PDB file of all heavy atoms in Angstrom:
ATOM      1  N   VAL A   1      -5.680  -0.024  -8.820  1.00  0.00           N
ATOM      2  CA  VAL A   1      -4.548   0.893  -9.014  1.00  0.00           C
ATOM      3  C   VAL A   1      -3.250   0.159  -8.697  1.00  0.00           C
ATOM      4  O   VAL A   1      -3.242  -0.819  -7.951  1.00  0.00           O
ATOM      5  CB  VAL A   1      -4.654   2.150  -8.117  1.00  0.00           C
ATOM      6  CG1 VAL A   1      -5.849   3.004  -8.505  1.00  0.00           C
ATOM      7  CG2 VAL A   1      -4.706   1.767  -6.647  1.00  0.00           C
ATOM      8  N   PRO A   2      -2.116   0.619  -9.246  1.00  0.00           N
ATOM      9  CA  PRO A   2      -0.836   0.005  -8.904  1.00  0.00           C
ATOM     10  C   PRO A   2      -0.557   0.132  -7.408  1.00  0.00           C
ATOM     11  O   PRO A   2      -0.707   1.212  -6.829  1.00  0.00           O
ATOM     12  CB  PRO A   2       0.177   0.809  -9.717  1.00  0.00           C
ATOM     13  CG  PRO A   2      -0.601   1.352 -10.875  1.00  0.00           C
ATOM     14  CD  PRO A   2      -1.960   1.641 -10.305  1.00  0.00           C
ATOM     15  N   LEU A   3      -0.158  -0.972  -6.802  1.00  0.00           N
ATOM     16  CA  LEU A   3       0.133  -1.008  -5.372  1.00  0.00           C
ATOM     17  C   LEU A   3       1.561  -1.483  -5.176  1.00  0.00           C
ATOM     18  O   LEU A   3       1.938  -2.551  -5.663  1.00  0.00           O
ATOM     19  CB  LEU A   3      -0.836  -1.952  -4.658  1.00  0.00           C
ATOM     20  CG  LEU A   3      -0.567  -2.231  -3.172  1.00  0.00           C
ATOM     21  CD1 LEU A   3      -0.739  -0.974  -2.343  1.00  0.00           C
ATOM     22  CD2 LEU A   3      -1.485  -3.339  -2.660  1.00  0.00           C
ATOM     23  N   PHE A   4       2.354  -0.691  -4.468  1.00  0.00           N
ATOM     24  CA  PHE A   4       3.727  -1.085  -4.142  1.00  0.00           C
ATOM     25  C   PHE A   4       4.097  -0.439  -2.820  1.00  0.00           C
ATOM     26  O   PHE A   4       3.739   0.705  -2.553  1.00  0.00           O
ATOM     27  CB  PHE A   4       4.713  -0.684  -5.247  1.00  0.00           C
ATOM     28  CG  PHE A   4       4.516   0.699  -5.806  1.00  0.00           C
ATOM     29  CD1 PHE A   4       5.160   1.798  -5.249  1.00  0.00           C
ATOM     30  CD2 PHE A   4       3.658   0.903  -6.882  1.00  0.00           C
ATOM     31  CE1 PHE A   4       4.970   3.067  -5.760  1.00  0.00           C
ATOM     32  CE2 PHE A   4       3.454   2.196  -7.391  1.00  0.00           C
ATOM     33  CZ  PHE A   4       4.117   3.271  -6.831  1.00  0.00           C
ATOM     34  N   ALA A   5       4.781  -1.192  -1.983  1.00  0.00           N
ATOM     35  CA  ALA A   5       5.141  -0.723  -0.643  1.00  0.00           C
ATOM     36  C   ALA A   5       6.607  -0.332  -0.552  1.00  0.00           C
ATOM     37  O   ALA A   5       7.095  -0.019   0.535  1.00  0.00           O
ATOM     38  CB  ALA A   5       4.831  -1.799   0.386  1.00  0.00           C
ATOM     39  N   GLU A   6       7.304  -0.329  -1.664  1.00  0.00           N
ATOM     40  CA  GLU A   6       8.691   0.134  -1.728  1.00  0.00           C
ATOM     41  C   GLU A   6       8.829   1.057  -2.916  1.00  0.00           C
ATOM     42  O   GLU A   6       8.082   0.949  -3.896  1.00  0.00           O
ATOM     43  CB  GLU A   6       9.652  -1.048  -1.860  1.00  0.00           C
ATOM     44  CG  GLU A   6       9.671  -1.977  -0.657  1.00  0.00           C
ATOM     45  CD  GLU A   6      10.681  -3.101  -0.827  1.00  0.00           C
ATOM     46  OE1 GLU A   6      11.230  -3.239  -1.946  1.00  0.00           O
ATOM     47  OE2 GLU A   6      10.918  -3.842   0.151  1.00  0.00           O
ATOM     48  N   ASP A   7       9.784   1.951  -2.843  1.00  0.00           N
ATOM     49  CA  ASP A   7      10.005   2.865  -3.951  1.00  0.00           C
ATOM     50  C   ASP A   7      10.446   2.062  -5.169  1.00  0.00           C
ATOM     51  O   ASP A   7      11.349   1.224  -5.076  1.00  0.00           O
ATOM     52  CB  ASP A   7      11.069   3.897  -3.566  1.00  0.00           C
ATOM     53  CG  ASP A   7      11.107   5.051  -4.537  1.00  0.00           C
ATOM     54  OD1 ASP A   7      10.035   5.429  -5.048  1.00  0.00           O
ATOM     55  OD2 ASP A   7      12.209   5.595  -4.775  1.00  0.00           O
ATOM     56  N   ILE A   8       9.794   2.274  -6.288  1.00  0.00           N
ATOM     57  CA  ILE A   8      10.115   1.509  -7.485  1.00  0.00           C
ATOM     58  C   ILE A   8      10.912   2.360  -8.464  1.00  0.00           C
ATOM     59  O   ILE A   8      10.875   3.592  -8.413  1.00  0.00           O
ATOM     60  CB  ILE A   8       8.842   0.957  -8.159  1.00  0.00           C
ATOM     61  CG1 ILE A   8       7.916   2.102  -8.611  1.00  0.00           C
ATOM     62  CG2 ILE A   8       8.107   0.016  -7.218  1.00  0.00           C
ATOM     63  CD1 ILE A   8       6.700   1.616  -9.392  1.00  0.00           C
ATOM     64  N   SER A   9      11.596   1.694  -9.359  1.00  0.00           N
ATOM     65  CA  SER A   9      12.423   2.391 -10.337  1.00  0.00           C
ATOM     66  C   SER A   9      11.550   2.976 -11.441  1.00  0.00           C
ATOM     67  O   SER A   9      10.395   2.569 -11.631  1.00  0.00           O
ATOM     68  CB  SER A   9      13.438   1.431 -10.955  1.00  0.00           C
ATOM     69  OG  SER A   9      12.776   0.455 -11.743  1.00  0.00           O
ATOM     70  N   LEU A  10      12.117   3.888 -12.183  1.00  0.00           N
ATOM     71  CA  LEU A  10      11.413   4.474 -13.320  1.00  0.00           C
ATOM     72  C   LEU A  10      11.068   3.396 -14.332  1.00  0.00           C
ATOM     73  O   LEU A  10       9.972   3.398 -14.904  1.00  0.00           O
ATOM     74  CB  LEU A  10      12.274   5.564 -13.966  1.00  0.00           C
ATOM     75  CG  LEU A  10      11.680   6.284 -15.170  1.00  0.00           C
ATOM     76  CD1 LEU A  10      10.394   7.003 -14.787  1.00  0.00           C
ATOM     77  CD2 LEU A  10      12.687   7.276 -15.749  1.00  0.00           C
ATOM     78  N   GLU A  11      11.971   2.469 -14.519  1.00  0.00           N
ATOM     79  CA  GLU A  11      11.726   1.377 -15.463  1.00  0.00           C
ATOM     80  C   GLU A  11      10.544   0.518 -15.015  1.00  0.00           C
ATOM     81  O   GLU A  11       9.671   0.167 -15.819  1.00  0.00           O
ATOM     82  CB  GLU A  11      12.991   0.523 -15.587  1.00  0.00           C
ATOM     83  CG  GLU A  11      12.874  -0.607 -16.592  1.00  0.00           C
ATOM     84  CD  GLU A  11      14.183  -1.363 -16.754  1.00  0.00           C
ATOM     85  OE1 GLU A  11      15.230  -0.702 -16.936  1.00  0.00           O
ATOM     86  OE2 GLU A  11      14.140  -2.609 -16.681  1.00  0.00           O
ATOM     87  N   ASP A  12      10.504   0.199 -13.729  1.00  0.00           N
ATOM     88  CA  ASP A  12       9.392  -0.606 -13.206  1.00  0.00           C
ATOM     89  C   ASP A  12       8.066   0.134 -13.306  1.00  0.00           C
ATOM     90  O   ASP A  12       7.012  -0.478 -13.521  1.00  0.00           O
ATOM     91  CB  ASP A  12       9.648  -0.999 -11.753  1.00  0.00           C
ATOM     92  CG  ASP A  12      10.737  -2.050 -11.606  1.00  0.00           C
ATOM     93  OD1 ASP A  12      11.026  -2.733 -12.605  1.00  0.00           O
ATOM     94  OD2 ASP A  12      11.301  -2.162 -10.508  1.00  0.00           O
ATOM     95  N   SER A  13       8.115   1.444 -13.133  1.00  0.00           N
ATOM     96  CA  SER A  13       6.880   2.224 -13.162  1.00  0.00           C
ATOM     97  C   SER A  13       6.234   2.212 -14.543  1.00  0.00           C
ATOM     98  O   SER A  13       5.045   2.509 -14.676  1.00  0.00           O
ATOM     99  CB  SER A  13       7.161   3.672 -12.736  1.00  0.00           C
ATOM    100  OG  SER A  13       7.878   4.377 -13.747  1.00  0.00           O
ATOM    101  N   LYS A  14       7.001   1.846 -15.571  1.00  0.00           N
ATOM    102  CA  LYS A  14       6.484   1.816 -16.936  1.00  0.00           C
ATOM    103  C   LYS A  14       5.911   0.455 -17.316  1.00  0.00           C
ATOM    104  O   LYS A  14       5.388   0.286 -18.425  1.00  0.00           O
ATOM    105  CB  LYS A  14       7.582   2.211 -17.923  1.00  0.00           C
ATOM    106  CG  LYS A  14       8.027   3.660 -17.780  1.00  0.00           C
ATOM    107  CD  LYS A  14       9.121   4.003 -18.780  1.00  0.00           C
ATOM    108  CE  LYS A  14       9.564   5.469 -18.637  1.00  0.00           C
ATOM    109  NZ  LYS A  14      10.631   5.828 -19.597  1.00  0.00           N
ATOM    110  N   THR A  15       6.004  -0.510 -16.410  1.00  0.00           N
ATOM    111  CA  THR A  15       5.508  -1.851 -16.717  1.00  0.00           C
ATOM    112  C   THR A  15       4.555  -2.401 -15.654  1.00  0.00           C
ATOM    113  O   THR A  15       3.878  -3.396 -15.899  1.00  0.00           O
ATOM    114  CB  THR A  15       6.691  -2.831 -16.867  1.00  0.00           C
ATOM    115  OG1 THR A  15       7.437  -2.860 -15.650  1.00  0.00           O
ATOM    116  CG2 THR A  15       7.602  -2.413 -18.015  1.00  0.00           C
ATOM    117  N   ILE A  16       4.506  -1.783 -14.499  1.00  0.00           N
ATOM    118  CA  ILE A  16       3.693  -2.313 -13.403  1.00  0.00           C
ATOM    119  C   ILE A  16       2.220  -2.337 -13.784  1.00  0.00           C
ATOM    120  O   ILE A  16       1.721  -1.451 -14.491  1.00  0.00           O
ATOM    121  CB  ILE A  16       3.915  -1.480 -12.115  1.00  0.00           C
ATOM    122  CG1 ILE A  16       3.301  -2.182 -10.904  1.00  0.00           C
ATOM    123  CG2 ILE A  16       3.354  -0.074 -12.276  1.00  0.00           C
ATOM    124  CD1 ILE A  16       3.664  -1.515  -9.578  1.00  0.00           C
ATOM    125  N   GLY A  17       1.514  -3.362 -13.327  1.00  0.00           N
ATOM    126  CA  GLY A  17       0.082  -3.446 -13.576  1.00  0.00           C
ATOM    127  C   GLY A  17      -0.711  -2.936 -12.394  1.00  0.00           C
ATOM    128  O   GLY A  17      -0.158  -2.465 -11.393  1.00  0.00           O
ATOM    129  N   ARG A  18      -2.026  -3.031 -12.501  1.00  0.00           N
ATOM    130  CA  ARG A  18      -2.892  -2.567 -11.415  1.00  0.00           C
ATOM    131  C   ARG A  18      -3.240  -3.719 -10.479  1.00  0.00           C
ATOM    132  O   ARG A  18      -3.412  -4.857 -10.903  1.00  0.00           O
ATOM    133  CB  ARG A  18      -4.178  -1.954 -11.982  1.00  0.00           C
ATOM    134  CG  ARG A  18      -3.965  -0.623 -12.678  1.00  0.00           C
ATOM    135  CD  ARG A  18      -5.288   0.088 -12.899  1.00  0.00           C
ATOM    136  NE  ARG A  18      -6.035  -0.487 -14.008  1.00  0.00           N
ATOM    137  CZ  ARG A  18      -7.329  -0.266 -14.229  1.00  0.00           C
ATOM    138  NH1 ARG A  18      -8.029   0.470 -13.381  1.00  0.00           N
ATOM    139  NH2 ARG A  18      -7.934  -0.808 -15.267  1.00  0.00           N
ATOM    140  N   THR A  19      -3.365  -3.379  -9.213  1.00  0.00           N
ATOM    141  CA  THR A  19      -3.792  -4.320  -8.184  1.00  0.00           C
ATOM    142  C   THR A  19      -5.288  -4.158  -7.971  1.00  0.00           C
ATOM    143  O   THR A  19      -5.807  -3.038  -8.020  1.00  0.00           O
ATOM    144  CB  THR A  19      -3.033  -4.053  -6.874  1.00  0.00           C
ATOM    145  OG1 THR A  19      -1.627  -4.155  -7.119  1.00  0.00           O
ATOM    146  CG2 THR A  19      -3.427  -5.046  -5.802  1.00  0.00           C
ATOM    147  N   SER A  20      -5.981  -5.243  -7.716  1.00  0.00           N
ATOM    148  CA  SER A  20      -7.435  -5.166  -7.569  1.00  0.00           C
ATOM    149  C   SER A  20      -7.827  -4.274  -6.400  1.00  0.00           C
ATOM    150  O   SER A  20      -7.088  -4.143  -5.417  1.00  0.00           O
ATOM    151  CB  SER A  20      -8.021  -6.566  -7.356  1.00  0.00           C
ATOM    152  OG  SER A  20      -7.672  -7.065  -6.080  1.00  0.00           O
ATOM    153  N   HIS A  21      -8.993  -3.688  -6.528  1.00  0.00           N
ATOM    154  CA  HIS A  21      -9.519  -2.819  -5.470  1.00  0.00           C
ATOM    155  C   HIS A  21      -9.553  -3.535  -4.134  1.00  0.00           C
ATOM    156  O   HIS A  21      -9.164  -2.966  -3.105  1.00  0.00           O
ATOM    157  CB  HIS A  21     -10.916  -2.340  -5.862  1.00  0.00           C
ATOM    158  CG  HIS A  21     -11.661  -1.643  -4.775  1.00  0.00           C
ATOM    159  ND1 HIS A  21     -11.389  -0.347  -4.386  1.00  0.00           N
ATOM    160  CD2 HIS A  21     -12.677  -2.075  -3.959  1.00  0.00           C
ATOM    161  CE1 HIS A  21     -12.204  -0.002  -3.400  1.00  0.00           C
ATOM    162  NE2 HIS A  21     -12.989  -1.035  -3.124  1.00  0.00           N
ATOM    163  N   SER A  22     -10.004  -4.763  -4.125  1.00  0.00           N
ATOM    164  CA  SER A  22     -10.115  -5.497  -2.860  1.00  0.00           C
ATOM    165  C   SER A  22      -8.760  -5.708  -2.207  1.00  0.00           C
ATOM    166  O   SER A  22      -8.624  -5.614  -0.984  1.00  0.00           O
ATOM    167  CB  SER A  22     -10.809  -6.842  -3.078  1.00  0.00           C
ATOM    168  OG  SER A  22     -10.070  -7.657  -3.964  1.00  0.00           O
ATOM    169  N   GLU A  23      -7.721  -5.976  -3.002  1.00  0.00           N
ATOM    170  CA  GLU A  23      -6.383  -6.151  -2.447  1.00  0.00           C
ATOM    171  C   GLU A  23      -5.841  -4.830  -1.911  1.00  0.00           C
ATOM    172  O   GLU A  23      -5.155  -4.809  -0.887  1.00  0.00           O
ATOM    173  CB  GLU A  23      -5.444  -6.721  -3.508  1.00  0.00           C
ATOM    174  CG  GLU A  23      -5.710  -8.154  -3.883  1.00  0.00           C
ATOM    175  CD  GLU A  23      -4.748  -8.646  -4.952  1.00  0.00           C
ATOM    176  OE1 GLU A  23      -3.629  -9.065  -4.600  1.00  0.00           O
ATOM    177  OE2 GLU A  23      -5.124  -8.597  -6.149  1.00  0.00           O
ATOM    178  N   VAL A  24      -6.121  -3.741  -2.610  1.00  0.00           N
ATOM    179  CA  VAL A  24      -5.676  -2.425  -2.124  1.00  0.00           C
ATOM    180  C   VAL A  24      -6.346  -2.114  -0.796  1.00  0.00           C
ATOM    181  O   VAL A  24      -5.702  -1.655   0.152  1.00  0.00           O
ATOM    182  CB  VAL A  24      -5.976  -1.323  -3.166  1.00  0.00           C
ATOM    183  CG1 VAL A  24      -5.610   0.049  -2.601  1.00  0.00           C
ATOM    184  CG2 VAL A  24      -5.207  -1.577  -4.458  1.00  0.00           C
ATOM    185  N   VAL A  25      -7.643  -2.374  -0.698  1.00  0.00           N
ATOM    186  CA  VAL A  25      -8.372  -2.131   0.546  1.00  0.00           C
ATOM    187  C   VAL A  25      -7.798  -2.976   1.678  1.00  0.00           C
ATOM    188  O   VAL A  25      -7.597  -2.485   2.803  1.00  0.00           O
ATOM    189  CB  VAL A  25      -9.879  -2.401   0.358  1.00  0.00           C
ATOM    190  CG1 VAL A  25     -10.597  -2.447   1.707  1.00  0.00           C
ATOM    191  CG2 VAL A  25     -10.501  -1.333  -0.530  1.00  0.00           C
ATOM    192  N   ASP A  26      -7.511  -4.244   1.404  1.00  0.00           N
ATOM    193  CA  ASP A  26      -6.933  -5.114   2.431  1.00  0.00           C
ATOM    194  C   ASP A  26      -5.584  -4.577   2.904  1.00  0.00           C
ATOM    195  O   ASP A  26      -5.281  -4.582   4.107  1.00  0.00           O
ATOM    196  CB  ASP A  26      -6.763  -6.537   1.894  1.00  0.00           C
ATOM    197  CG  ASP A  26      -8.089  -7.273   1.746  1.00  0.00           C
ATOM    198  OD1 ASP A  26      -9.094  -6.809   2.333  1.00  0.00           O
ATOM    199  OD2 ASP A  26      -8.115  -8.297   1.045  1.00  0.00           O
ATOM    200  N   PHE A  27      -4.770  -4.129   1.962  1.00  0.00           N
ATOM    201  CA  PHE A  27      -3.462  -3.563   2.315  1.00  0.00           C
ATOM    202  C   PHE A  27      -3.629  -2.335   3.195  1.00  0.00           C
ATOM    203  O   PHE A  27      -2.953  -2.179   4.221  1.00  0.00           O
ATOM    204  CB  PHE A  27      -2.692  -3.189   1.041  1.00  0.00           C
ATOM    205  CG  PHE A  27      -1.430  -2.404   1.284  1.00  0.00           C
ATOM    206  CD1 PHE A  27      -0.261  -3.043   1.641  1.00  0.00           C
ATOM    207  CD2 PHE A  27      -1.421  -1.019   1.151  1.00  0.00           C
ATOM    208  CE1 PHE A  27       0.911  -2.319   1.872  1.00  0.00           C
ATOM    209  CE2 PHE A  27      -0.262  -0.287   1.382  1.00  0.00           C
ATOM    210  CZ  PHE A  27       0.897  -0.941   1.750  1.00  0.00           C
ATOM    211  N   VAL A  28      -4.539  -1.450   2.812  1.00  0.00           N
ATOM    212  CA  VAL A  28      -4.749  -0.212   3.551  1.00  0.00           C
ATOM    213  C   VAL A  28      -5.225  -0.505   4.967  1.00  0.00           C
ATOM    214  O   VAL A  28      -4.738   0.087   5.944  1.00  0.00           O
ATOM    215  CB  VAL A  28      -5.746   0.693   2.803  1.00  0.00           C
ATOM    216  CG1 VAL A  28      -6.192   1.849   3.681  1.00  0.00           C
ATOM    217  CG2 VAL A  28      -5.122   1.220   1.509  1.00  0.00           C
ATOM    218  N   LEU A  29      -6.171  -1.403   5.100  1.00  0.00           N
ATOM    219  CA  LEU A  29      -6.680  -1.735   6.436  1.00  0.00           C
ATOM    220  C   LEU A  29      -5.595  -2.351   7.314  1.00  0.00           C
ATOM    221  O   LEU A  29      -5.502  -2.039   8.508  1.00  0.00           O
ATOM    222  CB  LEU A  29      -7.870  -2.684   6.315  1.00  0.00           C
ATOM    223  CG  LEU A  29      -9.164  -2.072   5.761  1.00  0.00           C
ATOM    224  CD1 LEU A  29     -10.195  -3.160   5.483  1.00  0.00           C
ATOM    225  CD2 LEU A  29      -9.737  -1.041   6.731  1.00  0.00           C
ATOM    226  N   THR A  30      -4.769  -3.208   6.747  1.00  0.00           N
ATOM    227  CA  THR A  30      -3.667  -3.790   7.519  1.00  0.00           C
ATOM    228  C   THR A  30      -2.684  -2.721   7.957  1.00  0.00           C
ATOM    229  O   THR A  30      -2.226  -2.703   9.114  1.00  0.00           O
ATOM    230  CB  THR A  30      -2.946  -4.860   6.685  1.00  0.00           C
ATOM    231  OG1 THR A  30      -3.862  -5.912   6.373  1.00  0.00           O
ATOM    232  CG2 THR A  30      -1.770  -5.459   7.458  1.00  0.00           C
ATOM    233  N   GLU A  31      -2.351  -1.812   7.051  1.00  0.00           N
ATOM    234  CA  GLU A  31      -1.442  -0.716   7.383  1.00  0.00           C
ATOM    235  C   GLU A  31      -1.994   0.134   8.522  1.00  0.00           C
ATOM    236  O   GLU A  31      -1.276   0.517   9.448  1.00  0.00           O
ATOM    237  CB  GLU A  31      -1.204   0.166   6.147  1.00  0.00           C
ATOM    238  CG  GLU A  31      -0.333  -0.447   5.080  1.00  0.00           C
ATOM    239  CD  GLU A  31       1.121  -0.527   5.514  1.00  0.00           C
ATOM    240  OE1 GLU A  31       1.806   0.516   5.509  1.00  0.00           O
ATOM    241  OE2 GLU A  31       1.571  -1.634   5.865  1.00  0.00           O
ATOM    242  N   LEU A  32      -3.274   0.434   8.460  1.00  0.00           N
ATOM    243  CA  LEU A  32      -3.883   1.276   9.487  1.00  0.00           C
ATOM    244  C   LEU A  32      -3.959   0.556  10.827  1.00  0.00           C
ATOM    245  O   LEU A  32      -3.710   1.154  11.885  1.00  0.00           O
ATOM    246  CB  LEU A  32      -5.270   1.712   9.040  1.00  0.00           C
ATOM    247  CG  LEU A  32      -5.306   2.689   7.858  1.00  0.00           C
ATOM    248  CD1 LEU A  32      -6.740   2.909   7.396  1.00  0.00           C
ATOM    249  CD2 LEU A  32      -4.652   4.021   8.211  1.00  0.00           C
ATOM    250  N   GLU A  33      -4.299  -0.716  10.797  1.00  0.00           N
ATOM    251  CA  GLU A  33      -4.383  -1.474  12.043  1.00  0.00           C
ATOM    252  C   GLU A  33      -3.019  -1.556  12.725  1.00  0.00           C
ATOM    253  O   GLU A  33      -2.912  -1.358  13.945  1.00  0.00           O
ATOM    254  CB  GLU A  33      -4.917  -2.874  11.758  1.00  0.00           C
ATOM    255  CG  GLU A  33      -5.167  -3.695  13.011  1.00  0.00           C
ATOM    256  CD  GLU A  33      -5.847  -5.013  12.728  1.00  0.00           C
ATOM    257  OE1 GLU A  33      -6.105  -5.318  11.539  1.00  0.00           O
ATOM    258  OE2 GLU A  33      -6.131  -5.751  13.694  1.00  0.00           O
ATOM    259  N   GLU A  34      -1.980  -1.826  11.948  1.00  0.00           N
ATOM    260  CA  GLU A  34      -0.639  -1.908  12.525  1.00  0.00           C
ATOM    261  C   GLU A  34      -0.134  -0.534  12.937  1.00  0.00           C
ATOM    262  O   GLU A  34       0.581  -0.409  13.951  1.00  0.00           O
ATOM    263  CB  GLU A  34       0.304  -2.567  11.523  1.00  0.00           C
ATOM    264  CG  GLU A  34      -0.046  -4.032  11.262  1.00  0.00           C
ATOM    265  CD  GLU A  34       0.880  -4.704  10.261  1.00  0.00           C
ATOM    266  OE1 GLU A  34       1.833  -4.044   9.773  1.00  0.00           O
ATOM    267  OE2 GLU A  34       0.661  -5.898   9.957  1.00  0.00           O
ATOM    268  N   SER A  35      -0.487   0.499  12.202  1.00  0.00           N
ATOM    269  CA  SER A  35      -0.084   1.861  12.579  1.00  0.00           C
ATOM    270  C   SER A  35      -0.749   2.281  13.877  1.00  0.00           C
ATOM    271  O   SER A  35      -0.126   2.908  14.739  1.00  0.00           O
ATOM    272  CB  SER A  35      -0.449   2.853  11.466  1.00  0.00           C
ATOM    273  OG  SER A  35       0.261   2.571  10.284  1.00  0.00           O
ATOM    274  N   ALA A  36      -2.036   1.945  14.026  1.00  0.00           N
ATOM    275  CA  ALA A  36      -2.777   2.326  15.232  1.00  0.00           C
ATOM    276  C   ALA A  36      -2.089   1.810  16.485  1.00  0.00           C
ATOM    277  O   ALA A  36      -2.080   2.478  17.530  1.00  0.00           O
ATOM    278  CB  ALA A  36      -4.206   1.815  15.151  1.00  0.00           C
ATOM    279  N   ALA A  37      -1.497   0.631  16.392  1.00  0.00           N
ATOM    280  CA  ALA A  37      -0.848   0.032  17.562  1.00  0.00           C
ATOM    281  C   ALA A  37       0.365   0.837  18.027  1.00  0.00           C
ATOM    282  O   ALA A  37       0.747   0.764  19.202  1.00  0.00           O
ATOM    283  CB  ALA A  37      -0.434  -1.400  17.241  1.00  0.00           C
ATOM    284  N   ALA A  38       0.972   1.605  17.125  1.00  0.00           N
ATOM    285  CA  ALA A  38       2.184   2.355  17.471  1.00  0.00           C
ATOM    286  C   ALA A  38       1.941   3.850  17.637  1.00  0.00           C
ATOM    287  O   ALA A  38       2.862   4.591  17.996  1.00  0.00           O
ATOM    288  CB  ALA A  38       3.252   2.135  16.391  1.00  0.00           C
ATOM    289  N   LEU A  39       0.712   4.296  17.379  1.00  0.00           N
ATOM    290  CA  LEU A  39       0.422   5.728  17.434  1.00  0.00           C
ATOM    291  C   LEU A  39      -0.085   6.144  18.805  1.00  0.00           C
ATOM    292  O   LEU A  39      -0.850   5.418  19.448  1.00  0.00           O
ATOM    293  CB  LEU A  39      -0.622   6.091  16.380  1.00  0.00           C
ATOM    294  CG  LEU A  39      -0.141   6.105  14.931  1.00  0.00           C
ATOM    295  CD1 LEU A  39      -1.330   6.135  13.968  1.00  0.00           C
ATOM    296  CD2 LEU A  39       0.789   7.303  14.675  1.00  0.00           C
ATOM    297  N   PRO A  40       0.289   7.343  19.256  1.00  0.00           N
ATOM    298  CA  PRO A  40      -0.263   7.878  20.507  1.00  0.00           C
ATOM    299  C   PRO A  40      -1.728   8.272  20.319  1.00  0.00           C
ATOM    300  O   PRO A  40      -2.199   8.486  19.202  1.00  0.00           O
ATOM    301  CB  PRO A  40       0.596   9.125  20.775  1.00  0.00           C
ATOM    302  CG  PRO A  40       1.759   9.029  19.844  1.00  0.00           C
ATOM    303  CD  PRO A  40       1.301   8.236  18.674  1.00  0.00           C
ATOM    304  N   THR A  41      -2.442   8.386  21.422  1.00  0.00           N
ATOM    305  CA  THR A  41      -3.793   8.927  21.365  1.00  0.00           C
ATOM    306  C   THR A  41      -3.716  10.451  21.312  1.00  0.00           C
ATOM    307  O   THR A  41      -2.654  11.047  21.510  1.00  0.00           O
ATOM    308  CB  THR A  41      -4.609   8.508  22.593  1.00  0.00           C
ATOM    309  OG1 THR A  41      -4.052   9.138  23.753  1.00  0.00           O
ATOM    310  CG2 THR A  41      -4.597   7.003  22.774  1.00  0.00           C
ATOM    311  N   ASN A  42      -4.846  11.079  21.066  1.00  0.00           N
ATOM    312  CA  ASN A  42      -4.847  12.548  21.041  1.00  0.00           C
ATOM    313  C   ASN A  42      -4.483  13.134  22.399  1.00  0.00           C
ATOM    314  O   ASN A  42      -3.980  14.254  22.483  1.00  0.00           O
ATOM    315  CB  ASN A  42      -6.207  13.075  20.566  1.00  0.00           C
ATOM    316  CG  ASN A  42      -7.353  12.657  21.464  1.00  0.00           C
ATOM    317  OD1 ASN A  42      -7.289  11.659  22.176  1.00  0.00           O
ATOM    318  ND2 ASN A  42      -8.434  13.425  21.435  1.00  0.00           N
TER     319      ASN A  42
END
């Protein structure tokens, strides 16, 4: 699926390609790991 970490323009949204599943998973895991470090516990 298309992966972007910044808001893209309408023009860019009409040309962007898809990012591989493995790269999306890597991005998601990195985001969660870094988020966990800043989040409070329950």
